[in-house]
């Protein structure tokens, strides 16, 4: 079992070490959402997309692989620059690694006892910056796991770091309630799901049809990502939906973009209202 790379506290790194980090670690792939966010900022300079890549340069990455399990967990420079946030991410990494090892050992023992082959389990997770406003650092993560079944699974993570309070928050913490959040975006959210499925050649079952996927789910039960087009206000909203939530596994996951409207901002708690603006 080999630890490939583990670096912390990027803010304290000397320039020479930063150069070494650049040379020794591969740059994480930029997501479609990040490209769109950077490229669509009105008047964005030519280097806007490159700036997103720089912001997502890996500051801490641990990879391990053995006949028992495969594990990786990474987060970007901007997160490492916040000591309390880096501490939480390191603790989350350790907790996920410990859970993976325990589950893998249990399932391998069961496989040996039952006389069937054991397939190494995995947990692969990478945090990326969505946006960084004066108050909030918004992060997203995609998590790929495998526990020995017919296929792996993709899930998502979300995190907001509130600089004003020095606390980690969930995006839904900024709203008066999950119910208010759902009510404000339901029509746009459900319509966007229909369009996303149509783009894949899939017709959404009619409401009331005898299908587990006939009903549009509450957005608050999915993963919420908040972004910004101007670097100052939260005016972008994406709902990340894992496989099986709104369709068969073969459909894959969905990333549903929903407009930030005046109606949605009315559902924001007063103390955060100034950090939002309606999207253009």
C-alpha atoms as a PDB file:
ATOM      1  CA  UNK A   1       0.000   0.000   0.000  1.00  0.00           C
ATOM      2  CA  UNK A   2       1.588   3.227  -1.097  1.00  0.00           C
ATOM      3  CA  UNK A   3       0.800   6.842  -0.335  1.00  0.00           C
ATOM      4  CA  UNK A   4       1.582   8.766  -3.525  1.00  0.00           C
ATOM      5  CA  UNK A   5       1.188  12.353  -2.453  1.00  0.00           C
ATOM      6  CA  UNK A   6       0.148  14.251   0.650  1.00  0.00           C
ATOM      7  CA  UNK A   7       0.637  18.011   0.914  1.00  0.00           C
ATOM      8  CA  UNK A   8      -1.080  20.468   3.236  1.00  0.00           C
ATOM      9  CA  UNK A   9      -1.259  24.103   4.168  1.00  0.00           C
ATOM     10  CA  UNK A  10      -0.599  25.473   0.695  1.00  0.00           C
ATOM     11  CA  UNK A  11      -0.595  29.049   1.983  1.00  0.00           C
ATOM     12  CA  UNK A  12       2.621  28.367   3.845  1.00  0.00           C
ATOM     13  CA  UNK A  13       4.454  26.762   0.949  1.00  0.00           C
ATOM     14  CA  UNK A  14       7.541  28.514  -0.370  1.00  0.00           C
ATOM     15  CA  UNK A  15       7.649  29.329  -4.116  1.00  0.00           C
ATOM     16  CA  UNK A  16      10.165  26.577  -4.776  1.00  0.00           C
ATOM     17  CA  UNK A  17       7.866  23.986  -3.216  1.00  0.00           C
ATOM     18  CA  UNK A  18       4.949  25.292  -5.245  1.00  0.00           C
ATOM     19  CA  UNK A  19       7.017  24.797  -8.374  1.00  0.00           C
ATOM     20  CA  UNK A  20       7.781  21.261  -7.270  1.00  0.00           C
ATOM     21  CA  UNK A  21       4.090  20.616  -6.678  1.00  0.00           C
ATOM     22  CA  UNK A  22       3.275  21.841 -10.180  1.00  0.00           C
ATOM     23  CA  UNK A  23       5.899  19.574 -11.703  1.00  0.00           C
ATOM     24  CA  UNK A  24       4.999  16.456  -9.714  1.00  0.00           C
ATOM     25  CA  UNK A  25       1.205  16.422  -9.709  1.00  0.00           C
ATOM     26  CA  UNK A  26      -1.161  16.151 -12.623  1.00  0.00           C
ATOM     27  CA  UNK A  27      -3.696  18.941 -13.003  1.00  0.00           C
ATOM     28  CA  UNK A  28      -7.277  17.779 -12.365  1.00  0.00           C
ATOM     29  CA  UNK A  29      -9.604  17.870 -15.345  1.00  0.00           C
ATOM     30  CA  UNK A  30     -11.825  20.906 -15.600  1.00  0.00           C
ATOM     31  CA  UNK A  31     -15.510  20.098 -15.477  1.00  0.00           C
ATOM     32  CA  UNK A  32     -17.971  21.234 -18.102  1.00  0.00           C
ATOM     33  CA  UNK A  33     -19.697  23.385 -15.493  1.00  0.00           C
ATOM     34  CA  UNK A  34     -16.432  25.131 -14.604  1.00  0.00           C
ATOM     35  CA  UNK A  35     -15.630  25.827 -18.256  1.00  0.00           C
ATOM     36  CA  UNK A  36     -19.089  27.244 -18.826  1.00  0.00           C
ATOM     37  CA  UNK A  37     -18.969  29.342 -15.670  1.00  0.00           C
ATOM     38  CA  UNK A  38     -15.623  30.888 -16.569  1.00  0.00           C
ATOM     39  CA  UNK A  39     -16.346  31.364 -20.252  1.00  0.00           C
ATOM     40  CA  UNK A  40     -19.770  32.928 -19.712  1.00  0.00           C
ATOM     41  CA  UNK A  41     -18.740  35.736 -17.374  1.00  0.00           C
ATOM     42  CA  UNK A  42     -19.508  38.972 -19.233  1.00  0.00           C
ATOM     43  CA  UNK A  43     -16.240  40.620 -20.253  1.00  0.00           C
ATOM     44  CA  UNK A  44     -14.183  37.714 -18.934  1.00  0.00           C
ATOM     45  CA  UNK A  45     -10.508  38.027 -19.900  1.00  0.00           C
ATOM     46  CA  UNK A  46      -8.986  35.425 -22.243  1.00  0.00           C
ATOM     47  CA  UNK A  47      -7.335  33.678 -19.283  1.00  0.00           C
ATOM     48  CA  UNK A  48     -10.567  33.142 -17.328  1.00  0.00           C
ATOM     49  CA  UNK A  49     -10.718  29.410 -17.989  1.00  0.00           C
ATOM     50  CA  UNK A  50      -7.023  29.084 -17.108  1.00  0.00           C
ATOM     51  CA  UNK A  51      -7.725  30.901 -13.839  1.00  0.00           C
ATOM     52  CA  UNK A  52     -10.218  28.188 -12.919  1.00  0.00           C
ATOM     53  CA  UNK A  53      -7.553  25.558 -13.624  1.00  0.00           C
ATOM     54  CA  UNK A  54      -5.095  27.382 -11.369  1.00  0.00           C
ATOM     55  CA  UNK A  55      -7.667  27.622  -8.595  1.00  0.00           C
ATOM     56  CA  UNK A  56      -8.242  23.879  -8.835  1.00  0.00           C
ATOM     57  CA  UNK A  57      -4.566  22.929  -8.794  1.00  0.00           C
ATOM     58  CA  UNK A  58      -4.301  20.052  -6.346  1.00  0.00           C
ATOM     59  CA  UNK A  59      -2.931  21.053  -2.955  1.00  0.00           C
ATOM     60  CA  UNK A  60      -3.496  17.770  -1.155  1.00  0.00           C
ATOM     61  CA  UNK A  61      -3.939  14.377  -2.731  1.00  0.00           C
ATOM     62  CA  UNK A  62      -3.657  10.926  -1.224  1.00  0.00           C
ATOM     63  CA  UNK A  63      -3.815   7.798  -3.362  1.00  0.00           C
ATOM     64  CA  UNK A  64      -3.557   4.204  -2.183  1.00  0.00           C
ATOM     65  CA  UNK A  65      -4.001   0.983  -4.103  1.00  0.00           C
ATOM     66  CA  UNK A  66      -3.712  -2.646  -3.029  1.00  0.00           C
ATOM     67  CA  UNK A  67      -5.425  -5.985  -3.504  1.00  0.00           C
ATOM     68  CA  UNK A  68      -7.794  -4.886  -0.714  1.00  0.00           C
ATOM     69  CA  UNK A  69      -8.914  -1.464  -1.891  1.00  0.00           C
ATOM     70  CA  UNK A  70      -8.284   1.657  -3.959  1.00  0.00           C
ATOM     71  CA  UNK A  71      -8.581   5.063  -2.333  1.00  0.00           C
ATOM     72  CA  UNK A  72      -8.005   8.625  -3.460  1.00  0.00           C
ATOM     73  CA  UNK A  73      -9.028  11.963  -2.006  1.00  0.00           C
ATOM     74  CA  UNK A  74      -7.962  15.420  -3.166  1.00  0.00           C
ATOM     75  CA  UNK A  75      -8.804  19.062  -2.592  1.00  0.00           C
ATOM     76  CA  UNK A  76      -7.630  22.308  -4.218  1.00  0.00           C
ATOM     77  CA  UNK A  77      -5.227  25.058  -3.199  1.00  0.00           C
ATOM     78  CA  UNK A  78      -7.912  27.528  -2.222  1.00  0.00           C
ATOM     79  CA  UNK A  79      -9.301  25.084   0.323  1.00  0.00           C
ATOM     80  CA  UNK A  80      -5.833  24.319   1.699  1.00  0.00           C
ATOM     81  CA  UNK A  81      -5.267  28.021   2.328  1.00  0.00           C
ATOM     82  CA  UNK A  82      -8.021  27.971   4.992  1.00  0.00           C
ATOM     83  CA  UNK A  83      -6.569  26.038   7.970  1.00  0.00           C
ATOM     84  CA  UNK A  84      -9.911  25.104   9.563  1.00  0.00           C
ATOM     85  CA  UNK A  85     -11.310  23.931   6.262  1.00  0.00           C
ATOM     86  CA  UNK A  86      -8.157  21.947   5.442  1.00  0.00           C
ATOM     87  CA  UNK A  87      -8.397  20.362   8.889  1.00  0.00           C
ATOM     88  CA  UNK A  88     -11.989  19.287   8.212  1.00  0.00           C
ATOM     89  CA  UNK A  89     -11.109  17.932   4.772  1.00  0.00           C
ATOM     90  CA  UNK A  90      -8.208  15.945   6.216  1.00  0.00           C
ATOM     91  CA  UNK A  91     -10.515  14.510   8.886  1.00  0.00           C
ATOM     92  CA  UNK A  92     -13.142  13.661   6.252  1.00  0.00           C
ATOM     93  CA  UNK A  93     -10.464  11.966   4.161  1.00  0.00           C
ATOM     94  CA  UNK A  94      -9.328   9.888   7.141  1.00  0.00           C
ATOM     95  CA  UNK A  95     -12.918   8.922   8.019  1.00  0.00           C
ATOM     96  CA  UNK A  96     -13.659   7.800   4.452  1.00  0.00           C
ATOM     97  CA  UNK A  97     -10.411   5.847   4.266  1.00  0.00           C
ATOM     98  CA  UNK A  98     -11.058   4.106   7.582  1.00  0.00           C
ATOM     99  CA  UNK A  99     -14.612   3.231   6.533  1.00  0.00           C
ATOM    100  CA  UNK A 100     -13.381   1.835   3.209  1.00  0.00           C
ATOM    101  CA  UNK A 101     -10.729  -0.328   4.881  1.00  0.00           C
ATOM    102  CA  UNK A 102     -13.199  -1.687   7.440  1.00  0.00           C
ATOM    103  CA  UNK A 103     -15.816  -2.496   4.802  1.00  0.00           C
ATOM    104  CA  UNK A 104     -13.223  -4.031   2.474  1.00  0.00           C
ATOM    105  CA  UNK A 105     -11.796  -6.269   5.194  1.00  0.00           C
ATOM    106  CA  UNK A 106     -15.268  -7.403   6.220  1.00  0.00           C
ATOM    107  CA  UNK A 107     -16.318  -8.228   2.643  1.00  0.00           C
ATOM    108  CA  UNK A 108     -13.019  -9.964   1.835  1.00  0.00           C
ATOM    109  CA  UNK A 109     -13.426 -12.162   4.910  1.00  0.00           C
ATOM    110  CA  UNK A 110     -16.989 -12.977   3.837  1.00  0.00           C
ATOM    111  CA  UNK A 111     -15.768 -13.819   0.326  1.00  0.00           C
ATOM    112  CA  UNK A 112     -13.070 -16.131   1.653  1.00  0.00           C
ATOM    113  CA  UNK A 113     -15.560 -17.836   3.958  1.00  0.00           C
ATOM    114  CA  UNK A 114     -18.106 -18.228   1.182  1.00  0.00           C
ATOM    115  CA  UNK A 115     -15.581 -19.420  -1.360  1.00  0.00           C
ATOM    116  CA  UNK A 116     -16.218 -16.699  -3.936  1.00  0.00           C
ATOM    117  CA  UNK A 117     -13.823 -14.111  -5.382  1.00  0.00           C
ATOM    118  CA  UNK A 118     -13.298 -10.781  -3.679  1.00  0.00           C
ATOM    119  CA  UNK A 119     -13.196  -7.649  -5.813  1.00  0.00           C
ATOM    120  CA  UNK A 120     -11.242  -4.721  -4.341  1.00  0.00           C
ATOM    121  CA  UNK A 121     -13.485  -1.914  -3.130  1.00  0.00           C
ATOM    122  CA  UNK A 122     -12.855   1.731  -3.903  1.00  0.00           C
ATOM    123  CA  UNK A 123     -13.567   5.316  -2.854  1.00  0.00           C
ATOM    124  CA  UNK A 124     -12.342   8.004  -5.266  1.00  0.00           C
ATOM    125  CA  UNK A 125     -13.170  11.609  -4.386  1.00  0.00           C
ATOM    126  CA  UNK A 126     -11.928  14.961  -5.635  1.00  0.00           C
ATOM    127  CA  UNK A 127     -13.075  18.362  -4.393  1.00  0.00           C
ATOM    128  CA  UNK A 128     -13.104  21.216  -6.926  1.00  0.00           C
ATOM    129  CA  UNK A 129     -13.708  24.920  -6.560  1.00  0.00           C
ATOM    130  CA  UNK A 130     -17.003  26.108  -8.018  1.00  0.00           C
ATOM    131  CA  UNK A 131     -16.493  29.742  -7.091  1.00  0.00           C
ATOM    132  CA  UNK A 132     -14.838  32.036  -4.577  1.00  0.00           C
ATOM    133  CA  UNK A 133     -16.699  35.176  -3.528  1.00  0.00           C
ATOM    134  CA  UNK A 134     -15.621  37.637  -0.811  1.00  0.00           C
ATOM    135  CA  UNK A 135     -17.713  35.666   1.680  1.00  0.00           C
ATOM    136  CA  UNK A 136     -17.993  32.107   0.362  1.00  0.00           C
ATOM    137  CA  UNK A 137     -15.691  29.468  -1.046  1.00  0.00           C
ATOM    138  CA  UNK A 138     -17.982  27.001  -2.816  1.00  0.00           C
ATOM    139  CA  UNK A 139     -16.718  23.470  -3.438  1.00  0.00           C
ATOM    140  CA  UNK A 140     -18.150  20.463  -5.224  1.00  0.00           C
ATOM    141  CA  UNK A 141     -17.020  16.871  -5.265  1.00  0.00           C
ATOM    142  CA  UNK A 142     -17.750  13.827  -7.371  1.00  0.00           C
ATOM    143  CA  UNK A 143     -17.425  10.535  -5.523  1.00  0.00           C
ATOM    144  CA  UNK A 144     -16.951   7.204  -7.298  1.00  0.00           C
ATOM    145  CA  UNK A 145     -17.339   4.093  -5.162  1.00  0.00           C
ATOM    146  CA  UNK A 146     -17.303   0.368  -5.760  1.00  0.00           C
ATOM    147  CA  UNK A 147     -18.261  -2.301  -3.228  1.00  0.00           C
ATOM    148  CA  UNK A 148     -18.010  -5.479  -5.259  1.00  0.00           C
ATOM    149  CA  UNK A 149     -21.334  -5.454  -7.099  1.00  0.00           C
ATOM    150  CA  UNK A 150     -22.189  -5.377 -10.778  1.00  0.00           C
ATOM    151  CA  UNK A 151     -21.056  -1.775 -11.142  1.00  0.00           C
ATOM    152  CA  UNK A 152     -19.759   1.191  -9.223  1.00  0.00           C
ATOM    153  CA  UNK A 153     -21.741   4.189  -8.038  1.00  0.00           C
ATOM    154  CA  UNK A 154     -21.406   7.939  -8.472  1.00  0.00           C
ATOM    155  CA  UNK A 155     -22.526  10.378  -5.794  1.00  0.00           C
ATOM    156  CA  UNK A 156     -21.802  14.030  -5.113  1.00  0.00           C
ATOM    157  CA  UNK A 157     -20.661  16.322  -2.320  1.00  0.00           C
ATOM    158  CA  UNK A 158     -21.089  20.024  -1.667  1.00  0.00           C
ATOM    159  CA  UNK A 159     -19.559  22.483   0.757  1.00  0.00           C
ATOM    160  CA  UNK A 160     -19.597  26.216   1.439  1.00  0.00           C
ATOM    161  CA  UNK A 161     -16.963  27.871   3.593  1.00  0.00           C
ATOM    162  CA  UNK A 162     -18.354  31.029   5.203  1.00  0.00           C
ATOM    163  CA  UNK A 163     -15.469  33.416   5.865  1.00  0.00           C
ATOM    164  CA  UNK A 164     -17.643  35.743   7.962  1.00  0.00           C
ATOM    165  CA  UNK A 165     -18.347  33.057  10.538  1.00  0.00           C
ATOM    166  CA  UNK A 166     -15.353  30.796   9.891  1.00  0.00           C
ATOM    167  CA  UNK A 167     -17.743  27.871   9.503  1.00  0.00           C
ATOM    168  CA  UNK A 168     -18.544  25.168   6.995  1.00  0.00           C
ATOM    169  CA  UNK A 169     -22.107  25.333   5.669  1.00  0.00           C
ATOM    170  CA  UNK A 170     -24.415  23.413   3.386  1.00  0.00           C
ATOM    171  CA  UNK A 171     -25.928  25.476   0.547  1.00  0.00           C
ATOM    172  CA  UNK A 172     -29.385  24.783   1.977  1.00  0.00           C
ATOM    173  CA  UNK A 173     -28.303  26.445   5.237  1.00  0.00           C
ATOM    174  CA  UNK A 174     -28.592  29.757   3.389  1.00  0.00           C
ATOM    175  CA  UNK A 175     -32.333  29.296   2.803  1.00  0.00           C
ATOM    176  CA  UNK A 176     -35.241  29.652   5.208  1.00  0.00           C
ATOM    177  CA  UNK A 177     -36.160  25.987   4.675  1.00  0.00           C
ATOM    178  CA  UNK A 178     -35.825  23.153   2.224  1.00  0.00           C
ATOM    179  CA  UNK A 179     -39.546  23.498   1.522  1.00  0.00           C
ATOM    180  CA  UNK A 180     -39.158  27.171   0.584  1.00  0.00           C
ATOM    181  CA  UNK A 181     -36.173  26.341  -1.608  1.00  0.00           C
ATOM    182  CA  UNK A 182     -38.108  23.606  -3.410  1.00  0.00           C
ATOM    183  CA  UNK A 183     -41.161  25.788  -3.947  1.00  0.00           C
ATOM    184  CA  UNK A 184     -39.072  28.601  -5.445  1.00  0.00           C
ATOM    185  CA  UNK A 185     -37.375  26.445  -8.089  1.00  0.00           C
ATOM    186  CA  UNK A 186     -39.759  23.516  -8.645  1.00  0.00           C
ATOM    187  CA  UNK A 187     -41.156  24.591 -12.026  1.00  0.00           C
ATOM    188  CA  UNK A 188     -37.742  25.461 -13.473  1.00  0.00           C
ATOM    189  CA  UNK A 189     -36.141  22.370 -11.951  1.00  0.00           C
ATOM    190  CA  UNK A 190     -38.745  19.906 -13.222  1.00  0.00           C
ATOM    191  CA  UNK A 191     -38.786  21.475 -16.690  1.00  0.00           C
ATOM    192  CA  UNK A 192     -34.994  21.254 -16.851  1.00  0.00           C
ATOM    193  CA  UNK A 193     -35.101  17.554 -15.926  1.00  0.00           C
ATOM    194  CA  UNK A 194     -37.528  16.937 -18.792  1.00  0.00           C
ATOM    195  CA  UNK A 195     -35.184  18.736 -21.202  1.00  0.00           C
ATOM    196  CA  UNK A 196     -32.127  16.869 -19.899  1.00  0.00           C
ATOM    197  CA  UNK A 197     -33.841  13.525 -20.356  1.00  0.00           C
ATOM    198  CA  UNK A 198     -35.049  14.485 -23.830  1.00  0.00           C
ATOM    199  CA  UNK A 199     -31.451  15.326 -24.754  1.00  0.00           C
ATOM    200  CA  UNK A 200     -30.624  11.694 -23.897  1.00  0.00           C
ATOM    201  CA  UNK A 201     -33.601  10.444 -25.911  1.00  0.00           C
ATOM    202  CA  UNK A 202     -35.573   9.585 -22.762  1.00  0.00           C
ATOM    203  CA  UNK A 203     -39.219  10.526 -22.253  1.00  0.00           C
ATOM    204  CA  UNK A 204     -40.125  11.316 -18.635  1.00  0.00           C
ATOM    205  CA  UNK A 205     -43.067   9.205 -17.380  1.00  0.00           C
ATOM    206  CA  UNK A 206     -46.273  11.185 -16.945  1.00  0.00           C
ATOM    207  CA  UNK A 207     -47.238  12.335 -13.442  1.00  0.00           C
ATOM    208  CA  UNK A 208     -49.337   9.603 -11.855  1.00  0.00           C
ATOM    209  CA  UNK A 209     -47.961   6.879 -14.114  1.00  0.00           C
ATOM    210  CA  UNK A 210     -47.022   3.677 -12.322  1.00  0.00           C
ATOM    211  CA  UNK A 211     -43.283   4.340 -12.277  1.00  0.00           C
ATOM    212  CA  UNK A 212     -40.849   5.151  -9.499  1.00  0.00           C
ATOM    213  CA  UNK A 213     -39.420   7.842 -11.769  1.00  0.00           C
ATOM    214  CA  UNK A 214     -42.713   9.474 -12.758  1.00  0.00           C
ATOM    215  CA  UNK A 215     -42.632  12.181 -10.109  1.00  0.00           C
ATOM    216  CA  UNK A 216     -40.250  15.131 -10.137  1.00  0.00           C
ATOM    217  CA  UNK A 217     -38.260  14.829  -6.882  1.00  0.00           C
ATOM    218  CA  UNK A 218     -37.631  17.679  -4.428  1.00  0.00           C
ATOM    219  CA  UNK A 219     -34.422  19.469  -5.383  1.00  0.00           C
ATOM    220  CA  UNK A 220     -33.496  19.801  -1.707  1.00  0.00           C
ATOM    221  CA  UNK A 221     -33.075  16.010  -1.529  1.00  0.00           C
ATOM    222  CA  UNK A 222     -30.332  16.177  -4.167  1.00  0.00           C
ATOM    223  CA  UNK A 223     -26.889  17.825  -4.082  1.00  0.00           C
ATOM    224  CA  UNK A 224     -26.991  21.615  -4.431  1.00  0.00           C
ATOM    225  CA  UNK A 225     -24.074  23.556  -5.908  1.00  0.00           C
ATOM    226  CA  UNK A 226     -23.941  27.356  -5.718  1.00  0.00           C
ATOM    227  CA  UNK A 227     -21.768  29.371  -8.099  1.00  0.00           C
ATOM    228  CA  UNK A 228     -21.059  32.907  -9.228  1.00  0.00           C
ATOM    229  CA  UNK A 229     -20.625  34.609 -12.591  1.00  0.00           C
ATOM    230  CA  UNK A 230     -19.114  37.832 -11.222  1.00  0.00           C
ATOM    231  CA  UNK A 231     -16.980  36.567  -8.333  1.00  0.00           C
ATOM    232  CA  UNK A 232     -19.011  38.628  -5.877  1.00  0.00           C
ATOM    233  CA  UNK A 233     -22.545  37.213  -5.696  1.00  0.00           C
ATOM    234  CA  UNK A 234     -24.090  33.761  -5.776  1.00  0.00           C
ATOM    235  CA  UNK A 235     -26.132  33.776  -8.984  1.00  0.00           C
ATOM    236  CA  UNK A 236     -25.688  30.254 -10.357  1.00  0.00           C
ATOM    237  CA  UNK A 237     -27.406  27.094  -9.175  1.00  0.00           C
ATOM    238  CA  UNK A 238     -26.851  23.481 -10.202  1.00  0.00           C
ATOM    239  CA  UNK A 239     -28.611  20.427  -8.832  1.00  0.00           C
ATOM    240  CA  UNK A 240     -26.440  17.292  -9.096  1.00  0.00           C
ATOM    241  CA  UNK A 241     -28.467  14.090  -9.281  1.00  0.00           C
ATOM    242  CA  UNK A 242     -26.924  10.645  -8.817  1.00  0.00           C
ATOM    243  CA  UNK A 243     -27.935   7.543 -10.807  1.00  0.00           C
ATOM    244  CA  UNK A 244     -31.188   5.851  -9.717  1.00  0.00           C
ATOM    245  CA  UNK A 245     -32.635   9.108  -8.358  1.00  0.00           C
ATOM    246  CA  UNK A 246     -34.678  10.078 -11.424  1.00  0.00           C
ATOM    247  CA  UNK A 247     -33.980   7.214 -13.814  1.00  0.00           C
ATOM    248  CA  UNK A 248     -32.370   3.847 -14.381  1.00  0.00           C
ATOM    249  CA  UNK A 249     -28.662   3.415 -13.732  1.00  0.00           C
ATOM    250  CA  UNK A 250     -27.992   3.329 -17.469  1.00  0.00           C
ATOM    251  CA  UNK A 251     -29.144   6.967 -17.712  1.00  0.00           C
ATOM    252  CA  UNK A 252     -26.176   8.058 -15.619  1.00  0.00           C
ATOM    253  CA  UNK A 253     -26.154  11.150 -13.474  1.00  0.00           C
ATOM    254  CA  UNK A 254     -27.615  14.579 -14.206  1.00  0.00           C
ATOM    255  CA  UNK A 255     -26.341  18.120 -13.601  1.00  0.00           C
ATOM    256  CA  UNK A 256     -29.420  20.361 -13.757  1.00  0.00           C
ATOM    257  CA  UNK A 257     -28.834  24.109 -14.067  1.00  0.00           C
ATOM    258  CA  UNK A 258     -31.602  26.221 -12.547  1.00  0.00           C
ATOM    259  CA  UNK A 259     -31.830  30.027 -12.742  1.00  0.00           C
ATOM    260  CA  UNK A 260     -31.359  32.084  -9.612  1.00  0.00           C
ATOM    261  CA  UNK A 261     -34.518  34.193  -9.663  1.00  0.00           C
ATOM    262  CA  UNK A 262     -35.954  36.931  -7.477  1.00  0.00           C
ATOM    263  CA  UNK A 263     -38.370  34.311  -6.153  1.00  0.00           C
ATOM    264  CA  UNK A 264     -35.507  32.100  -5.044  1.00  0.00           C
ATOM    265  CA  UNK A 265     -33.744  35.018  -3.372  1.00  0.00           C
ATOM    266  CA  UNK A 266     -36.919  35.678  -1.351  1.00  0.00           C
ATOM    267  CA  UNK A 267     -36.396  32.201   0.143  1.00  0.00           C
ATOM    268  CA  UNK A 268     -32.872  33.146   1.314  1.00  0.00           C
ATOM    269  CA  UNK A 269     -32.350  33.936   4.996  1.00  0.00           C
ATOM    270  CA  UNK A 270     -32.019  37.711   5.583  1.00  0.00           C
ATOM    271  CA  UNK A 271     -28.389  37.453   6.723  1.00  0.00           C
ATOM    272  CA  UNK A 272     -27.395  35.941   3.363  1.00  0.00           C
ATOM    273  CA  UNK A 273     -29.678  37.861   1.007  1.00  0.00           C
ATOM    274  CA  UNK A 274     -26.957  40.395   0.147  1.00  0.00           C
ATOM    275  CA  UNK A 275     -24.694  37.597  -1.058  1.00  0.00           C
ATOM    276  CA  UNK A 276     -27.143  36.618  -3.820  1.00  0.00           C
ATOM    277  CA  UNK A 277     -28.332  38.270  -6.986  1.00  0.00           C
ATOM    278  CA  UNK A 278     -30.695  37.124  -9.704  1.00  0.00           C
ATOM    279  CA  UNK A 279     -28.797  35.498 -12.560  1.00  0.00           C
ATOM    280  CA  UNK A 280     -28.722  37.065 -16.002  1.00  0.00           C
END
